[in-house]
């Protein structure tokens, strides 16, 4: 809990802003709406949202065990 208490709104913004872009987003729509209505609404609310370069997410290499491990 101690570390959660130290997270600020700015910390969250700094973390999400580099990845929050239309070229890194999935929009899922469910309901009684036509394709044309959906395109119109998406254009209205997201039409001026510009793509940007997304930082590469480099994950650490996963090493292989040389022998099986039993956890009791």
Protein backbone atom coordinates (compact mmCIF):
# COMPACT_ATOMS: atom_id res chain seq x y z
CA UNK A 1 0.00 0.00 0.00
CA UNK A 2 2.83 2.40 0.71
CA UNK A 3 3.87 2.53 -2.94
CA UNK A 4 0.27 3.03 -4.14
CA UNK A 5 -0.09 6.04 -1.87
CA UNK A 6 2.88 7.71 -3.57
CA UNK A 7 1.45 7.50 -7.10
CA UNK A 8 0.18 10.85 -8.33
CA UNK A 9 -2.21 11.82 -11.11
CA UNK A 10 0.79 13.14 -13.03
CA UNK A 11 2.54 9.75 -12.66
CA UNK A 12 -0.46 8.07 -14.31
CA UNK A 13 -0.61 10.67 -17.10
CA UNK A 14 3.12 10.34 -17.77
CA UNK A 15 2.71 6.56 -18.01
CA UNK A 16 -0.33 6.51 -20.31
CA UNK A 17 0.22 9.49 -22.63
CA UNK A 18 3.00 7.88 -24.74
CA UNK A 19 0.77 4.87 -25.49
CA UNK A 20 -2.62 6.57 -25.81
CA UNK A 21 -3.02 7.08 -29.56
CA UNK A 22 -5.44 5.99 -32.29
CA UNK A 23 -2.83 3.70 -33.83
CA UNK A 24 -2.56 1.86 -30.49
CA UNK A 25 -6.26 1.67 -29.63
CA UNK A 26 -9.10 -0.79 -30.12
CA UNK A 27 -12.67 0.51 -30.20
CA UNK A 28 -15.36 -2.07 -29.55
CA UNK A 29 -19.00 -1.18 -30.18
CA UNK A 30 -22.04 -3.25 -29.25
CA UNK A 31 -25.63 -2.21 -29.69
CA UNK A 32 -28.32 -1.12 -32.07
CA UNK A 33 -26.32 1.22 -34.30
CA UNK A 34 -25.67 1.20 -38.02
CA UNK A 35 -22.22 1.25 -39.54
CA UNK A 36 -22.87 4.74 -40.96
CA UNK A 37 -23.99 6.08 -37.55
CA UNK A 38 -20.91 4.59 -35.94
CA UNK A 39 -18.55 6.11 -38.49
CA UNK A 40 -20.22 9.50 -38.00
CA UNK A 41 -19.87 9.32 -34.20
CA UNK A 42 -16.27 8.11 -34.35
CA UNK A 43 -15.46 10.98 -36.71
CA UNK A 44 -17.11 13.49 -34.40
CA UNK A 45 -15.33 12.38 -31.24
CA UNK A 46 -12.04 11.03 -32.56
CA UNK A 47 -11.67 12.66 -35.99
CA UNK A 48 -8.86 15.04 -35.07
CA UNK A 49 -6.96 12.52 -32.95
CA UNK A 50 -3.50 12.26 -34.50
CA UNK A 51 -1.39 9.14 -34.72
CA UNK A 52 2.01 9.17 -33.07
CA UNK A 53 5.06 6.99 -32.69
CA UNK A 54 4.47 4.45 -29.93
CA UNK A 55 7.48 3.57 -27.76
CA UNK A 56 8.69 0.03 -28.28
CA UNK A 57 7.77 -2.18 -25.36
CA UNK A 58 10.88 -4.26 -24.73
CA UNK A 59 10.25 -7.21 -22.45
CA UNK A 60 13.05 -9.01 -20.63
CA UNK A 61 14.16 -12.33 -22.05
CA UNK A 62 12.71 -15.41 -20.39
CA UNK A 63 15.32 -18.00 -19.57
CA UNK A 64 14.63 -21.71 -19.76
CA UNK A 65 14.99 -23.99 -16.77
CA UNK A 66 17.58 -26.73 -17.12
CA UNK A 67 15.54 -29.10 -14.99
CA UNK A 68 11.94 -29.36 -13.81
CA UNK A 69 11.00 -27.57 -10.59
CA UNK A 70 8.57 -29.00 -8.06
CA UNK A 71 6.79 -26.54 -5.78
CA UNK A 72 5.22 -28.02 -2.68
